[in-house]
Amino acid sequence: MNLASETAFETVRELLRTLFDVPDDQIQPGAHLMDDLDLDSLDAVELAHSLEDEVGVTIEDEDLGSLRTVRDVVAFVSERAHGASA
């Protein structure tokens, strides 16, 4: 992971921990948001809004369906945050 990905992972991990009480040991890059972390579609929307507030990255509704794992969310946030600052 590069620095931007590490920062994005820490942000995503902190949001999952605080918003949804997901235990730290379950928040792994390969963890599936719905199957492993028990998030539902409303939780995904809440996560997206929280990421927008935290890092200024907008996740459109049509993008939510492709974000299935923690790794997917981290990559999306890292990519968008880097693109926004460039």
C-alpha atoms as a PDB file:
ATOM      1  CA  MET A   1       0.000   0.000   0.000  1.00  0.00           C
ATOM      2  CA  ASN A   2       1.227   3.470  -0.768  1.00  0.00           C
ATOM      3  CA  LEU A   3       0.887   6.363   1.674  1.00  0.00           C
ATOM      4  CA  ALA A   4      -2.402   7.562   0.202  1.00  0.00           C
ATOM      5  CA  SER A   5      -3.835   4.038   0.438  1.00  0.00           C
ATOM      6  CA  GLU A   6      -2.634   3.650   4.019  1.00  0.00           C
ATOM      7  CA  THR A   7      -4.260   6.949   4.986  1.00  0.00           C
ATOM      8  CA  ALA A   8      -7.472   5.975   3.184  1.00  0.00           C
ATOM      9  CA  PHE A   9      -7.448   2.572   4.921  1.00  0.00           C
ATOM     10  CA  GLU A  10      -7.067   4.209   8.339  1.00  0.00           C
ATOM     11  CA  THR A  11      -9.951   6.583   7.567  1.00  0.00           C
ATOM     12  CA  VAL A  12     -12.200   3.769   6.357  1.00  0.00           C
ATOM     13  CA  ARG A  13     -11.254   1.606   9.349  1.00  0.00           C
ATOM     14  CA  GLU A  14     -12.023   4.398  11.804  1.00  0.00           C
ATOM     15  CA  LEU A  15     -15.420   5.048  10.196  1.00  0.00           C
ATOM     16  CA  LEU A  16     -16.343   1.352  10.198  1.00  0.00           C
ATOM     17  CA  ARG A  17     -15.303   1.099  13.823  1.00  0.00           C
ATOM     18  CA  THR A  18     -17.147   4.208  15.034  1.00  0.00           C
ATOM     19  CA  LEU A  19     -20.260   4.156  12.827  1.00  0.00           C
ATOM     20  CA  PHE A  20     -20.992   0.435  12.830  1.00  0.00           C
ATOM     21  CA  ASP A  21     -19.067  -0.958  15.832  1.00  0.00           C
ATOM     22  CA  VAL A  22     -17.064  -3.295  13.597  1.00  0.00           C
ATOM     23  CA  PRO A  23     -14.252  -4.902  15.618  1.00  0.00           C
ATOM     24  CA  ASP A  24     -10.774  -3.876  14.476  1.00  0.00           C
ATOM     25  CA  ASP A  25      -9.686  -7.454  13.755  1.00  0.00           C
ATOM     26  CA  GLN A  26     -12.513  -7.865  11.219  1.00  0.00           C
ATOM     27  CA  ILE A  27     -11.516  -4.777   9.214  1.00  0.00           C
ATOM     28  CA  GLN A  28      -9.131  -6.308   6.703  1.00  0.00           C
ATOM     29  CA  PRO A  29      -8.636  -5.223   3.079  1.00  0.00           C
ATOM     30  CA  GLY A  30     -10.335  -8.358   1.747  1.00  0.00           C
ATOM     31  CA  ALA A  31     -13.309  -8.164   4.109  1.00  0.00           C
ATOM     32  CA  HIS A  32     -16.606  -8.044   2.244  1.00  0.00           C
ATOM     33  CA  LEU A  33     -18.725  -5.152   3.502  1.00  0.00           C
ATOM     34  CA  MET A  34     -22.007  -7.048   3.530  1.00  0.00           C
ATOM     35  CA  ASP A  35     -20.982 -10.682   4.004  1.00  0.00           C
ATOM     36  CA  ASP A  36     -18.128 -10.223   6.485  1.00  0.00           C
ATOM     37  CA  LEU A  37     -18.927  -6.915   8.203  1.00  0.00           C
ATOM     38  CA  ASP A  38     -22.739  -7.235   8.151  1.00  0.00           C
ATOM     39  CA  LEU A  39     -23.347  -3.847   6.539  1.00  0.00           C
ATOM     40  CA  ASP A  40     -26.510  -3.323   4.529  1.00  0.00           C
ATOM     41  CA  SER A  41     -27.314  -0.884   1.726  1.00  0.00           C
ATOM     42  CA  LEU A  42     -28.314   1.874   4.147  1.00  0.00           C
ATOM     43  CA  ASP A  43     -25.016   1.418   5.988  1.00  0.00           C
ATOM     44  CA  ALA A  44     -23.186   1.746   2.673  1.00  0.00           C
ATOM     45  CA  VAL A  45     -24.939   5.061   2.020  1.00  0.00           C
ATOM     46  CA  GLU A  46     -24.047   6.256   5.519  1.00  0.00           C
ATOM     47  CA  LEU A  47     -20.421   5.239   4.962  1.00  0.00           C
ATOM     48  CA  ALA A  48     -20.377   7.091   1.644  1.00  0.00           C
ATOM     49  CA  HIS A  49     -21.743  10.274   3.248  1.00  0.00           C
ATOM     50  CA  SER A  50     -19.260  10.008   6.100  1.00  0.00           C
ATOM     51  CA  LEU A  51     -16.369   9.608   3.666  1.00  0.00           C
ATOM     52  CA  GLU A  52     -17.560  12.686   1.828  1.00  0.00           C
ATOM     53  CA  ASP A  53     -17.541  14.622   5.109  1.00  0.00           C
ATOM     54  CA  GLU A  54     -14.149  13.232   6.211  1.00  0.00           C
ATOM     55  CA  VAL A  55     -12.107  13.418   3.019  1.00  0.00           C
ATOM     56  CA  GLY A  56     -14.268  15.288   0.519  1.00  0.00           C
ATOM     57  CA  VAL A  57     -14.684  12.299  -1.793  1.00  0.00           C
ATOM     58  CA  THR A  58     -18.115  11.980  -3.382  1.00  0.00           C
ATOM     59  CA  ILE A  59     -19.344   8.431  -3.890  1.00  0.00           C
ATOM     60  CA  GLU A  60     -22.297   8.419  -6.267  1.00  0.00           C
ATOM     61  CA  ASP A  61     -25.116   5.912  -5.822  1.00  0.00           C
ATOM     62  CA  GLU A  62     -24.085   4.081  -8.993  1.00  0.00           C
ATOM     63  CA  ASP A  63     -20.545   3.662  -7.585  1.00  0.00           C
ATOM     64  CA  LEU A  64     -21.779   2.071  -4.358  1.00  0.00           C
ATOM     65  CA  GLY A  65     -22.630  -1.221  -6.066  1.00  0.00           C
ATOM     66  CA  SER A  66     -19.040  -1.751  -7.166  1.00  0.00           C
ATOM     67  CA  LEU A  67     -17.612  -1.185  -3.687  1.00  0.00           C
ATOM     68  CA  ARG A  68     -17.889  -4.654  -2.215  1.00  0.00           C
ATOM     69  CA  THR A  69     -14.793  -4.973  -0.013  1.00  0.00           C
ATOM     70  CA  VAL A  70     -12.818  -2.728   2.290  1.00  0.00           C
ATOM     71  CA  ARG A  71     -10.088  -2.807  -0.389  1.00  0.00           C
ATOM     72  CA  ASP A  72     -12.562  -1.494  -2.992  1.00  0.00           C
ATOM     73  CA  VAL A  73     -13.547   1.423  -0.762  1.00  0.00           C
ATOM     74  CA  VAL A  74      -9.917   2.235   0.093  1.00  0.00           C
ATOM     75  CA  ALA A  75      -8.890   2.148  -3.584  1.00  0.00           C
ATOM     76  CA  PHE A  76     -11.827   4.354  -4.581  1.00  0.00           C
ATOM     77  CA  VAL A  77     -11.138   6.892  -1.842  1.00  0.00           C
ATOM     78  CA  SER A  78      -7.392   6.881  -2.463  1.00  0.00           C
ATOM     79  CA  GLU A  79      -7.847   7.319  -6.206  1.00  0.00           C
ATOM     80  CA  ARG A  80     -10.443  10.088  -5.899  1.00  0.00           C
ATOM     81  CA  ALA A  81      -8.625  11.942  -3.111  1.00  0.00           C
ATOM     82  CA  HIS A  82      -5.363  11.834  -5.082  1.00  0.00           C
ATOM     83  CA  GLY A  83      -7.128  12.998  -8.233  1.00  0.00           C
ATOM     84  CA  ALA A  84      -8.802  15.850  -6.360  1.00  0.00           C
ATOM     85  CA  SER A  85      -5.499  17.096  -4.958  1.00  0.00           C
ATOM     86  CA  ALA A  86      -3.612  16.864  -8.251  1.00  0.00           C
END
